[in-house]
Amino acid sequence: MPAQTAAPAPARGGRVSRLSQLTVPSMPQSVASTAAKSSFSQAPSNALVPPPPVAVKKDPKLANNWKAKSAAELTDAEVIAMPDSEYMNEKQMAFFRLKLVELKRGILENAGETTEHLREDTVVVPDPADRATIEEEHALELRTRDRERKLLKKIEQSIQRIDAGDYGYCDETGEPIGVGRLLARPTATLSLEAQQRRELKQKMFGD
């Protein structure tokens, strides 16, 4: 069976993702060599990572709006339209800091609501089926709060990175993560390409 070549797709920051350039013979997905890892082509039916977000389009008409607005007044579209030369300037940093603080506030509010719900549902329910339903709902809510607790830690780390001036750059490569990716995931510490490499490694070798 002939090798299948995936069309190269531009990664954020103008780079071409190495993961999208390769050819892979028809073989199992378990690939041992480093060369094979770098030339792994994702099968549409079993993608290793979620598909990248839709390409961000800049509106030239909004390119200079950031100059006359405060960080709190800027919209996502206006931040996306900012020139690449202004990447992670003081206003962008302040914009993302506000987003992270708002996200943190929402998580803390949810945590308070969970505590209140659990306190209200402490009444003993005689019916076993009803009791099982309540316990299942509690377990689901606690799992959700546990995920949010982990996210809260990442949010606090991201705020610290902003204060240190390191926010917006990939931990592995030092290259810009990209405004579009940060808007979708403000706590991102890896570029899309680096994230794909990490998830591929975890898929092949485990955590």
N, C-alpha and C. Protein backbone atom coordinates (compact mmCIF):
# COMPACT_ATOMS: atom_id res chain seq x y z
N MET A 1 0.85 -1.21 0.00
CA MET A 1 0.00 0.00 0.00
C MET A 1 0.87 1.24 0.00
N PRO A 2 0.69 2.18 -0.90
CA PRO A 2 1.57 3.36 -0.99
C PRO A 2 1.44 4.23 0.22
N ALA A 3 2.54 4.92 0.51
CA ALA A 3 2.54 5.83 1.67
C ALA A 3 1.57 6.97 1.45
N GLN A 4 0.95 7.40 2.52
CA GLN A 4 -0.01 8.50 2.45
C GLN A 4 0.62 9.76 2.98
N THR A 5 0.63 10.81 2.19
CA THR A 5 1.26 12.06 2.59
C THR A 5 0.22 13.07 3.02
N ALA A 6 0.38 13.58 4.24
CA ALA A 6 -0.56 14.59 4.75
C ALA A 6 -0.10 15.96 4.31
N ALA A 7 -1.06 16.79 3.86
CA ALA A 7 -0.70 18.14 3.42
C ALA A 7 -0.23 18.96 4.59
N PRO A 8 0.93 19.66 4.46
CA PRO A 8 1.44 20.47 5.58
C PRO A 8 0.49 21.57 5.96
N ALA A 9 0.29 21.74 7.27
CA ALA A 9 -0.59 22.80 7.77
C ALA A 9 0.22 23.76 8.60
N PRO A 10 0.05 25.05 8.41
CA PRO A 10 0.85 26.02 9.17
C PRO A 10 0.52 25.97 10.64
N ALA A 11 1.57 25.93 11.46
CA ALA A 11 1.36 26.01 12.90
C ALA A 11 1.29 27.45 13.31
N ARG A 12 0.88 27.70 14.57
CA ARG A 12 0.78 29.06 15.04
C ARG A 12 2.14 29.71 15.04
N GLY A 13 2.16 31.02 14.77
CA GLY A 13 3.43 31.73 14.71
C GLY A 13 4.10 31.60 13.36
N GLY A 14 3.39 31.05 12.33
CA GLY A 14 3.94 31.00 11.00
C GLY A 14 4.76 29.76 10.72
N ARG A 15 4.93 28.85 11.70
CA ARG A 15 5.73 27.67 11.49
C ARG A 15 4.87 26.55 10.94
N VAL A 16 5.50 25.62 10.20
CA VAL A 16 4.78 24.47 9.67
C VAL A 16 4.96 23.31 10.60
N SER A 17 3.88 22.71 11.03
CA SER A 17 3.94 21.62 11.98
C SER A 17 4.64 20.42 11.37
N ARG A 18 5.68 19.93 12.07
CA ARG A 18 6.37 18.74 11.60
C ARG A 18 5.46 17.52 11.63
N LEU A 19 4.49 17.52 12.53
CA LEU A 19 3.60 16.37 12.62
C LEU A 19 2.72 16.22 11.39
N SER A 20 2.54 17.31 10.65
CA SER A 20 1.63 17.26 9.51
C SER A 20 2.39 17.09 8.20
N GLN A 21 3.71 16.89 8.25
CA GLN A 21 4.49 16.83 7.02
C GLN A 21 4.81 15.41 6.60
N LEU A 22 4.55 14.43 7.46
CA LEU A 22 5.12 13.15 7.15
C LEU A 22 4.26 12.15 6.44
N THR A 23 5.01 11.13 6.06
CA THR A 23 4.38 10.01 5.39
C THR A 23 4.50 8.80 6.30
N VAL A 24 3.47 8.00 6.30
CA VAL A 24 3.47 6.84 7.18
C VAL A 24 3.02 5.63 6.40
N PRO A 25 3.81 4.58 6.36
CA PRO A 25 3.37 3.35 5.71
C PRO A 25 2.21 2.76 6.50
N SER A 26 1.50 1.83 5.90
CA SER A 26 0.40 1.20 6.60
C SER A 26 0.99 0.26 7.65
N MET A 27 0.95 0.68 8.90
CA MET A 27 1.49 -0.11 10.00
C MET A 27 0.73 0.26 11.24
N PRO A 28 0.86 -0.52 12.31
CA PRO A 28 0.17 -0.17 13.56
C PRO A 28 0.63 1.16 14.07
N GLN A 29 -0.18 1.78 14.93
CA GLN A 29 0.17 3.10 15.43
C GLN A 29 1.30 3.05 16.43
N SER A 30 1.61 1.86 16.99
CA SER A 30 2.72 1.78 17.95
C SER A 30 4.03 1.84 17.19
N VAL A 31 4.72 2.95 17.27
CA VAL A 31 5.96 3.17 16.54
C VAL A 31 7.05 3.40 17.55
N ALA A 32 8.17 2.69 17.41
CA ALA A 32 9.19 2.74 18.46
C ALA A 32 10.24 3.79 18.24
N SER A 33 10.64 4.03 17.02
CA SER A 33 11.80 4.89 16.79
C SER A 33 11.45 6.35 16.86
N THR A 34 12.44 7.16 17.16
CA THR A 34 12.24 8.61 17.21
C THR A 34 11.88 9.15 15.84
N ALA A 35 12.51 8.60 14.80
CA ALA A 35 12.21 9.05 13.44
C ALA A 35 10.75 8.80 13.11
N ALA A 36 10.25 7.63 13.52
CA ALA A 36 8.85 7.32 13.24
C ALA A 36 7.94 8.25 14.01
N LYS A 37 8.33 8.60 15.24
CA LYS A 37 7.50 9.52 16.02
C LYS A 37 7.34 10.85 15.29
N SER A 38 8.42 11.34 14.70
CA SER A 38 8.36 12.63 14.04
C SER A 38 7.63 12.55 12.72
N SER A 39 7.43 11.32 12.22
CA SER A 39 6.77 11.17 10.92
C SER A 39 5.43 10.47 11.05
N PHE A 40 4.83 10.60 12.22
CA PHE A 40 3.55 9.95 12.44
C PHE A 40 2.42 10.78 11.89
N SER A 41 1.56 10.18 11.09
CA SER A 41 0.42 10.89 10.52
C SER A 41 -0.83 10.45 11.23
N GLN A 42 -1.57 11.39 11.76
CA GLN A 42 -2.76 11.05 12.53
C GLN A 42 -3.84 10.51 11.62
N ALA A 43 -4.44 9.40 12.03
CA ALA A 43 -5.56 8.85 11.30
C ALA A 43 -6.81 9.61 11.69
N PRO A 44 -7.64 10.01 10.74
CA PRO A 44 -8.83 10.79 11.07
C PRO A 44 -9.74 10.10 12.08
N SER A 45 -9.78 8.75 12.04
CA SER A 45 -10.69 8.06 12.93
C SER A 45 -10.12 7.86 14.33
N ASN A 46 -8.83 8.18 14.51
CA ASN A 46 -8.22 7.96 15.82
C ASN A 46 -7.20 9.06 16.10
N ALA A 47 -7.66 10.30 16.08
CA ALA A 47 -6.75 11.43 16.27
C ALA A 47 -6.18 11.41 17.67
N LEU A 48 -4.88 11.74 17.77
CA LEU A 48 -4.24 11.74 19.07
C LEU A 48 -4.58 12.98 19.87
N VAL A 49 -4.86 14.05 19.18
CA VAL A 49 -5.19 15.30 19.86
C VAL A 49 -6.41 15.89 19.19
N PRO A 50 -7.13 16.76 19.90
CA PRO A 50 -8.28 17.41 19.28
C PRO A 50 -7.82 18.24 18.09
N PRO A 51 -8.66 18.35 17.05
CA PRO A 51 -8.26 19.15 15.91
C PRO A 51 -8.01 20.59 16.32
N PRO A 52 -7.03 21.25 15.69
CA PRO A 52 -6.75 22.64 16.06
C PRO A 52 -7.96 23.52 15.79
N PRO A 53 -8.10 24.61 16.52
CA PRO A 53 -9.23 25.50 16.30
C PRO A 53 -9.18 26.11 14.90
N VAL A 54 -10.32 26.60 14.48
CA VAL A 54 -10.40 27.23 13.17
C VAL A 54 -9.40 28.37 13.09
N ALA A 55 -8.75 28.48 11.95
CA ALA A 55 -7.72 29.50 11.78
C ALA A 55 -8.27 30.88 12.14
N VAL A 56 -7.49 31.60 12.92
CA VAL A 56 -7.90 32.92 13.36
C VAL A 56 -7.69 33.92 12.24
N LYS A 57 -8.71 34.67 11.93
CA LYS A 57 -8.61 35.69 10.89
C LYS A 57 -8.55 37.07 11.52
N LYS A 58 -7.57 37.82 11.11
CA LYS A 58 -7.43 39.17 11.63
C LYS A 58 -8.25 40.14 10.78
N ASP A 59 -8.91 41.04 11.46
CA ASP A 59 -9.67 42.09 10.78
C ASP A 59 -8.80 43.34 10.73
N PRO A 60 -8.30 43.71 9.55
CA PRO A 60 -7.40 44.86 9.45
C PRO A 60 -8.01 46.15 10.01
N LYS A 61 -9.33 46.24 9.98
CA LYS A 61 -9.99 47.45 10.46
C LYS A 61 -9.83 47.62 11.98
N LEU A 62 -9.54 46.52 12.67
CA LEU A 62 -9.43 46.57 14.13
C LEU A 62 -7.98 46.62 14.59
N ALA A 63 -7.05 46.65 13.67
CA ALA A 63 -5.64 46.49 14.01
C ALA A 63 -5.11 47.53 15.00
N ASN A 64 -5.66 48.73 14.96
CA ASN A 64 -5.14 49.80 15.81
C ASN A 64 -6.08 50.19 16.96
N ASN A 65 -7.17 49.44 17.11
CA ASN A 65 -8.12 49.78 18.17
C ASN A 65 -7.52 49.69 19.56
N TRP A 66 -6.54 48.78 19.74
CA TRP A 66 -5.95 48.58 21.06
C TRP A 66 -5.26 49.83 21.59
N LYS A 67 -4.85 50.71 20.68
CA LYS A 67 -4.12 51.90 21.10
C LYS A 67 -5.00 52.88 21.88
N ALA A 68 -6.30 52.87 21.57
CA ALA A 68 -7.20 53.84 22.19
C ALA A 68 -8.08 53.23 23.28
N LYS A 69 -7.87 51.95 23.58
CA LYS A 69 -8.73 51.28 24.57
C LYS A 69 -7.89 50.71 25.70
N SER A 70 -8.53 50.57 26.85
CA SER A 70 -7.87 49.90 27.97
C SER A 70 -7.99 48.40 27.77
N ALA A 71 -7.23 47.63 28.54
CA ALA A 71 -7.28 46.17 28.43
C ALA A 71 -8.68 45.64 28.72
N ALA A 72 -9.38 46.26 29.65
CA ALA A 72 -10.72 45.81 30.02
C ALA A 72 -11.74 46.07 28.91
N GLU A 73 -11.46 47.04 28.04
CA GLU A 73 -12.39 47.39 26.97
C GLU A 73 -12.16 46.60 25.69
N LEU A 74 -11.02 45.96 25.56
CA LEU A 74 -10.69 45.24 24.34
C LEU A 74 -11.54 43.98 24.18
N THR A 75 -11.90 43.70 22.93
CA THR A 75 -12.60 42.46 22.61
C THR A 75 -11.59 41.43 22.10
N ASP A 76 -12.02 40.18 22.04
CA ASP A 76 -11.13 39.13 21.53
C ASP A 76 -10.70 39.45 20.10
N ALA A 77 -11.64 39.92 19.28
CA ALA A 77 -11.34 40.22 17.88
C ALA A 77 -10.29 41.32 17.78
N GLU A 78 -10.36 42.30 18.66
CA GLU A 78 -9.39 43.40 18.63
C GLU A 78 -8.00 42.95 19.06
N VAL A 79 -7.96 42.02 20.00
CA VAL A 79 -6.67 41.49 20.43
C VAL A 79 -6.06 40.63 19.33
N ILE A 80 -6.89 39.84 18.66
CA ILE A 80 -6.41 39.02 17.54
C ILE A 80 -5.87 39.90 16.42
N ALA A 81 -6.52 41.06 16.20
CA ALA A 81 -6.13 41.94 15.11
C ALA A 81 -4.86 42.73 15.39
N MET A 82 -4.38 42.71 16.61
CA MET A 82 -3.18 43.47 16.94
C MET A 82 -1.99 42.97 16.11
N PRO A 83 -1.09 43.86 15.72
CA PRO A 83 0.07 43.44 14.92
C PRO A 83 0.93 42.42 15.65
N ASP A 84 1.55 41.53 14.90
CA ASP A 84 2.41 40.52 15.50
C ASP A 84 3.56 41.15 16.29
N SER A 85 3.97 42.33 15.86
CA SER A 85 5.08 43.01 16.55
C SER A 85 4.69 43.45 17.97
N GLU A 86 3.38 43.48 18.25
CA GLU A 86 2.92 43.88 19.59
C GLU A 86 2.56 42.68 20.46
N TYR A 87 2.97 41.48 20.01
CA TYR A 87 2.64 40.26 20.75
C TYR A 87 3.14 40.34 22.19
N MET A 88 2.23 40.12 23.11
CA MET A 88 2.50 40.13 24.55
C MET A 88 3.10 41.45 25.02
N ASN A 89 2.60 42.54 24.45
CA ASN A 89 2.98 43.84 25.01
C ASN A 89 2.19 44.03 26.32
N GLU A 90 2.37 45.15 26.95
CA GLU A 90 1.76 45.35 28.26
C GLU A 90 0.24 45.24 28.20
N LYS A 91 -0.36 45.74 27.12
CA LYS A 91 -1.82 45.72 27.04
C LYS A 91 -2.34 44.30 26.83
N GLN A 92 -1.66 43.53 26.01
CA GLN A 92 -2.07 42.13 25.83
C GLN A 92 -1.92 41.35 27.13
N MET A 93 -0.82 41.57 27.82
CA MET A 93 -0.61 40.89 29.10
C MET A 93 -1.75 41.23 30.08
N ALA A 94 -2.10 42.52 30.14
CA ALA A 94 -3.17 42.95 31.04
C ALA A 94 -4.50 42.34 30.62
N PHE A 95 -4.74 42.24 29.31
CA PHE A 95 -5.97 41.65 28.78
C PHE A 95 -6.11 40.19 29.24
N PHE A 96 -5.04 39.41 29.08
CA PHE A 96 -5.10 38.01 29.47
C PHE A 96 -5.13 37.84 30.98
N ARG A 97 -4.53 38.76 31.69
CA ARG A 97 -4.59 38.69 33.15
C ARG A 97 -6.04 38.85 33.63
N LEU A 98 -6.76 39.78 33.00
CA LEU A 98 -8.16 39.97 33.35
C LEU A 98 -8.98 38.71 33.04
N LYS A 99 -8.69 38.08 31.91
CA LYS A 99 -9.40 36.85 31.56
C LYS A 99 -9.14 35.75 32.59
N LEU A 100 -7.90 35.62 32.99
CA LEU A 100 -7.55 34.59 33.97
C LEU A 100 -8.19 34.87 35.33
N VAL A 101 -8.18 36.12 35.75
CA VAL A 101 -8.79 36.48 37.02
C VAL A 101 -10.29 36.21 37.00
N GLU A 102 -10.94 36.51 35.88
CA GLU A 102 -12.37 36.25 35.75
C GLU A 102 -12.65 34.75 35.78
N LEU A 103 -11.80 33.97 35.10
CA LEU A 103 -11.96 32.52 35.10
C LEU A 103 -11.79 31.96 36.51
N LYS A 104 -10.82 32.50 37.23
CA LYS A 104 -10.58 32.08 38.61
C LYS A 104 -11.79 32.39 39.49
N ARG A 105 -12.36 33.59 39.31
CA ARG A 105 -13.52 33.98 40.11
C ARG A 105 -14.69 33.03 39.87
N GLY A 106 -14.92 32.66 38.60
CA GLY A 106 -16.01 31.75 38.29
C GLY A 106 -15.83 30.38 38.93
N ILE A 107 -14.60 29.88 38.93
CA ILE A 107 -14.33 28.58 39.54
C ILE A 107 -14.56 28.62 41.04
N LEU A 108 -14.12 29.69 41.68
CA LEU A 108 -14.31 29.81 43.13
C LEU A 108 -15.79 29.90 43.48
N GLU A 109 -16.56 30.58 42.64
CA GLU A 109 -18.00 30.66 42.88
C GLU A 109 -18.65 29.29 42.75
N ASN A 110 -18.23 28.53 41.74
CA ASN A 110 -18.77 27.18 41.56
C ASN A 110 -18.43 26.29 42.75
N ALA A 111 -17.21 26.44 43.26
CA ALA A 111 -16.81 25.64 44.42
C ALA A 111 -17.69 25.94 45.62
N GLY A 112 -18.02 27.23 45.81
CA GLY A 112 -18.90 27.60 46.91
C GLY A 112 -20.29 27.03 46.74
N GLU A 113 -20.79 27.00 45.50
CA GLU A 113 -22.11 26.44 45.24
C GLU A 113 -22.13 24.94 45.51
N THR A 114 -21.02 24.26 45.16
CA THR A 114 -20.95 22.82 45.41
C THR A 114 -21.02 22.52 46.90
N THR A 115 -20.28 23.28 47.68
CA THR A 115 -20.30 23.09 49.14
C THR A 115 -21.71 23.28 49.67
N GLU A 116 -22.40 24.28 49.17
CA GLU A 116 -23.77 24.56 49.62
C GLU A 116 -24.71 23.42 49.23
N HIS A 117 -24.56 22.91 47.99
CA HIS A 117 -25.42 21.81 47.55
C HIS A 117 -25.22 20.58 48.42
N LEU A 118 -23.96 20.26 48.69
CA LEU A 118 -23.68 19.07 49.50
C LEU A 118 -24.23 19.23 50.91
N ARG A 119 -24.19 20.45 51.42
CA ARG A 119 -24.71 20.69 52.76
C ARG A 119 -26.23 20.54 52.77
N GLU A 120 -26.89 21.01 51.71
CA GLU A 120 -28.35 20.92 51.64
C GLU A 120 -28.83 19.48 51.47
N ASP A 121 -28.00 18.64 50.83
CA ASP A 121 -28.43 17.28 50.52
C ASP A 121 -28.01 16.26 51.57
N THR A 122 -27.71 16.72 52.76
CA THR A 122 -27.28 15.79 53.80
C THR A 122 -28.46 15.09 54.47
N VAL A 123 -29.69 15.47 54.12
CA VAL A 123 -30.87 14.81 54.70
C VAL A 123 -30.89 13.35 54.27
N VAL A 124 -31.17 12.45 55.20
CA VAL A 124 -31.21 11.02 54.90
C VAL A 124 -32.44 10.72 54.05
N VAL A 125 -32.22 10.06 52.92
CA VAL A 125 -33.32 9.69 52.02
C VAL A 125 -33.58 8.20 52.21
N PRO A 126 -34.78 7.82 52.61
CA PRO A 126 -35.06 6.41 52.90
C PRO A 126 -35.05 5.52 51.67
N ASP A 127 -35.50 6.02 50.53
CA ASP A 127 -35.59 5.19 49.34
C ASP A 127 -34.19 4.92 48.78
N PRO A 128 -33.79 3.65 48.62
CA PRO A 128 -32.44 3.32 48.12
C PRO A 128 -32.16 3.87 46.74
N ALA A 129 -33.17 3.85 45.85
CA ALA A 129 -32.97 4.34 44.50
C ALA A 129 -32.71 5.85 44.51
N ASP A 130 -33.49 6.58 45.29
CA ASP A 130 -33.29 8.03 45.39
C ASP A 130 -31.92 8.35 46.00
N ARG A 131 -31.56 7.56 47.01
CA ARG A 131 -30.28 7.79 47.68
C ARG A 131 -29.12 7.53 46.71
N ALA A 132 -29.25 6.49 45.89
CA ALA A 132 -28.20 6.18 44.91
C ALA A 132 -28.08 7.29 43.87
N THR A 133 -29.24 7.84 43.47
CA THR A 133 -29.22 8.93 42.50
C THR A 133 -28.51 10.15 43.07
N ILE A 134 -28.82 10.49 44.32
CA ILE A 134 -28.20 11.65 44.96
C ILE A 134 -26.69 11.44 45.10
N GLU A 135 -26.30 10.23 45.49
CA GLU A 135 -24.87 9.94 45.66
C GLU A 135 -24.14 10.03 44.32
N GLU A 136 -24.78 9.57 43.25
CA GLU A 136 -24.17 9.64 41.93
C GLU A 136 -24.00 11.10 41.50
N GLU A 137 -25.02 11.92 41.77
CA GLU A 137 -24.93 13.33 41.43
C GLU A 137 -23.81 14.01 42.22
N HIS A 138 -23.68 13.64 43.50
CA HIS A 138 -22.61 14.20 44.33
C HIS A 138 -21.25 13.82 43.78
N ALA A 139 -21.11 12.55 43.39
CA ALA A 139 -19.82 12.08 42.87
C ALA A 139 -19.45 12.82 41.59
N LEU A 140 -20.44 13.02 40.72
CA LEU A 140 -20.19 13.73 39.47
C LEU A 140 -19.78 15.17 39.74
N GLU A 141 -20.49 15.81 40.67
CA GLU A 141 -20.19 17.20 40.99
C GLU A 141 -18.80 17.33 41.62
N LEU A 142 -18.44 16.38 42.45
CA LEU A 142 -17.12 16.42 43.09
C LEU A 142 -16.01 16.19 42.07
N ARG A 143 -16.25 15.32 41.09
CA ARG A 143 -15.25 15.11 40.03
C ARG A 143 -15.06 16.38 39.22
N THR A 144 -16.18 17.05 38.94
CA THR A 144 -16.10 18.31 38.19
C THR A 144 -15.31 19.35 38.98
N ARG A 145 -15.59 19.44 40.28
CA ARG A 145 -14.86 20.39 41.11
C ARG A 145 -13.38 20.03 41.21
N ASP A 146 -13.06 18.74 41.18
CA ASP A 146 -11.66 18.33 41.24
C ASP A 146 -10.92 18.79 39.98
N ARG A 147 -11.58 18.66 38.83
CA ARG A 147 -10.97 19.15 37.58
C ARG A 147 -10.78 20.67 37.66
N GLU A 148 -11.77 21.36 38.21
CA GLU A 148 -11.66 22.80 38.32
C GLU A 148 -10.57 23.21 39.32
N ARG A 149 -10.38 22.38 40.36
CA ARG A 149 -9.30 22.66 41.31
C ARG A 149 -7.94 22.61 40.61
N LYS A 150 -7.78 21.61 39.74
CA LYS A 150 -6.52 21.51 38.99
C LYS A 150 -6.37 22.68 38.02
N LEU A 151 -7.50 23.08 37.41
CA LEU A 151 -7.46 24.22 36.50
C LEU A 151 -7.13 25.50 37.27
N LEU A 152 -7.65 25.61 38.48
CA LEU A 152 -7.38 26.79 39.30
C LEU A 152 -5.87 26.93 39.55
N LYS A 153 -5.21 25.82 39.80
CA LYS A 153 -3.76 25.85 40.01
C LYS A 153 -3.05 26.36 38.75
N LYS A 154 -3.51 25.90 37.58
CA LYS A 154 -2.91 26.35 36.33
C LYS A 154 -3.16 27.85 36.10
N ILE A 155 -4.35 28.30 36.48
CA ILE A 155 -4.67 29.72 36.34
C ILE A 155 -3.74 30.56 37.19
N GLU A 156 -3.53 30.15 38.43
CA GLU A 156 -2.65 30.90 39.31
C GLU A 156 -1.22 30.90 38.78
N GLN A 157 -0.78 29.79 38.22
CA GLN A 157 0.56 29.73 37.63
C GLN A 157 0.66 30.66 36.42
N SER A 158 -0.41 30.74 35.63
CA SER A 158 -0.42 31.61 34.45
C SER A 158 -0.36 33.08 34.87
N ILE A 159 -1.07 33.43 35.92
CA ILE A 159 -1.03 34.81 36.42
C ILE A 159 0.39 35.15 36.89
N GLN A 160 1.03 34.20 37.53
CA GLN A 160 2.42 34.41 37.96
C GLN A 160 3.33 34.60 36.75
N ARG A 161 3.07 33.85 35.69
CA ARG A 161 3.88 34.00 34.47
C ARG A 161 3.69 35.38 33.85
N ILE A 162 2.47 35.89 33.90
CA ILE A 162 2.22 37.24 33.38
C ILE A 162 3.00 38.25 34.20
N ASP A 163 2.92 38.12 35.53
CA ASP A 163 3.63 39.06 36.41
C ASP A 163 5.14 39.00 36.19
N ALA A 164 5.63 37.81 35.78
CA ALA A 164 7.07 37.66 35.54
C ALA A 164 7.46 38.01 34.11
N GLY A 165 6.46 38.26 33.25
CA GLY A 165 6.74 38.61 31.86
C GLY A 165 7.02 37.42 30.97
N ASP A 166 6.67 36.18 31.43
CA ASP A 166 6.96 34.97 30.66
C ASP A 166 5.74 34.41 29.95
N TYR A 167 4.60 35.01 30.16
CA TYR A 167 3.35 34.46 29.62
C TYR A 167 3.32 34.55 28.09
N GLY A 168 2.72 33.53 27.47
CA GLY A 168 2.52 33.57 26.02
C GLY A 168 3.61 32.91 25.21
N TYR A 169 4.61 32.33 25.88
CA TYR A 169 5.71 31.70 25.16
C TYR A 169 5.83 30.23 25.58
N CYS A 170 6.11 29.38 24.61
CA CYS A 170 6.16 27.94 24.81
C CYS A 170 7.27 27.55 25.79
N ASP A 171 6.94 26.69 26.73
CA ASP A 171 7.91 26.22 27.71
C ASP A 171 9.03 25.41 27.06
N GLU A 172 8.71 24.72 25.97
CA GLU A 172 9.70 23.84 25.35
C GLU A 172 10.57 24.56 24.32
N THR A 173 9.95 25.39 23.50
CA THR A 173 10.68 26.00 22.39
C THR A 173 10.98 27.48 22.60
N GLY A 174 10.26 28.13 23.51
CA GLY A 174 10.43 29.56 23.71
C GLY A 174 9.76 30.41 22.65
N GLU A 175 9.07 29.78 21.72
CA GLU A 175 8.39 30.50 20.65
C GLU A 175 6.99 30.94 21.09
N PRO A 176 6.42 31.95 20.43
CA PRO A 176 5.07 32.41 20.80
C PRO A 176 4.03 31.29 20.70
N ILE A 177 3.18 31.20 21.68
CA ILE A 177 2.09 30.23 21.66
C ILE A 177 1.01 30.67 20.69
N GLY A 178 0.79 31.96 20.59
CA GLY A 178 -0.21 32.49 19.67
C GLY A 178 -1.44 33.00 20.39
N VAL A 179 -1.92 34.16 19.97
CA VAL A 179 -3.08 34.77 20.61
C VAL A 179 -4.32 33.89 20.49
N GLY A 180 -4.53 33.31 19.31
CA GLY A 180 -5.71 32.47 19.11
C GLY A 180 -5.76 31.30 20.06
N ARG A 181 -4.64 30.63 20.24
CA ARG A 181 -4.60 29.48 21.16
C ARG A 181 -4.79 29.93 22.60
N LEU A 182 -4.22 31.07 22.97
CA LEU A 182 -4.37 31.56 24.33
C LEU A 182 -5.80 32.01 24.62
N LEU A 183 -6.48 32.53 23.63
CA LEU A 183 -7.88 32.89 23.83
C LEU A 183 -8.72 31.64 24.07
N ALA A 184 -8.39 30.54 23.36
CA ALA A 184 -9.13 29.29 23.54
C ALA A 184 -8.74 28.61 24.84
N ARG A 185 -7.47 28.74 25.23
CA ARG A 185 -6.97 28.11 26.46
C ARG A 185 -5.97 29.04 27.13
N PRO A 186 -6.45 29.95 27.96
CA PRO A 186 -5.56 30.96 28.57
C PRO A 186 -4.44 30.37 29.42
N THR A 187 -4.58 29.12 29.85
CA THR A 187 -3.55 28.52 30.70
C THR A 187 -2.52 27.73 29.90
N ALA A 188 -2.58 27.79 28.57
CA ALA A 188 -1.65 27.03 27.74
C ALA A 188 -0.21 27.45 28.00
N THR A 189 0.67 26.46 28.11
CA THR A 189 2.10 26.74 28.30
C THR A 189 2.94 26.16 27.16
N LEU A 190 2.27 25.49 26.21
CA LEU A 190 2.96 24.91 25.06
C LEU A 190 2.31 25.39 23.78
N SER A 191 3.11 25.54 22.74
CA SER A 191 2.55 25.82 21.42
C SER A 191 1.76 24.60 20.97
N LEU A 192 0.95 24.76 19.94
CA LEU A 192 0.14 23.64 19.47
C LEU A 192 1.02 22.49 19.03
N GLU A 193 2.11 22.78 18.34
CA GLU A 193 3.00 21.73 17.85
C GLU A 193 3.66 20.99 19.01
N ALA A 194 4.13 21.74 20.01
CA ALA A 194 4.75 21.10 21.18
C ALA A 194 3.74 20.27 21.94
N GLN A 195 2.50 20.73 22.04
CA GLN A 195 1.45 19.98 22.72
C GLN A 195 1.17 18.67 21.99
N GLN A 196 1.15 18.73 20.65
CA GLN A 196 0.93 17.51 19.86
C GLN A 196 2.06 16.51 20.08
N ARG A 197 3.29 17.00 20.11
CA ARG A 197 4.42 16.11 20.35
C ARG A 197 4.31 15.44 21.72
N ARG A 198 3.94 16.21 22.73
CA ARG A 198 3.82 15.67 24.08
C ARG A 198 2.72 14.62 24.16
N GLU A 199 1.58 14.90 23.55
CA GLU A 199 0.48 13.95 23.60
C GLU A 199 0.79 12.68 22.81
N LEU A 200 1.53 12.84 21.72
CA LEU A 200 1.95 11.68 20.95
C LEU A 200 2.88 10.80 21.78
N LYS A 201 3.81 11.42 22.51
CA LYS A 201 4.74 10.68 23.36
C LYS A 201 3.98 9.96 24.47
N GLN A 202 2.99 10.63 25.06
CA GLN A 202 2.19 10.00 26.10
C GLN A 202 1.37 8.84 25.54
N LYS A 203 0.89 9.01 24.32
CA LYS A 203 0.10 7.95 23.68
C LYS A 203 0.96 6.71 23.46
N MET A 204 2.22 6.92 23.09
CA MET A 204 3.08 5.80 22.75
C MET A 204 3.74 5.15 23.96
N PHE A 205 4.15 5.99 24.93
CA PHE A 205 4.93 5.47 26.03
C PHE A 205 4.23 5.58 27.39
N GLY A 206 3.06 6.17 27.42
CA GLY A 206 2.36 6.35 28.68
C GLY A 206 2.85 7.57 29.39
N ASP A 207 2.19 7.93 30.51
CA ASP A 207 2.55 9.15 31.26
C ASP A 207 3.94 9.02 31.88
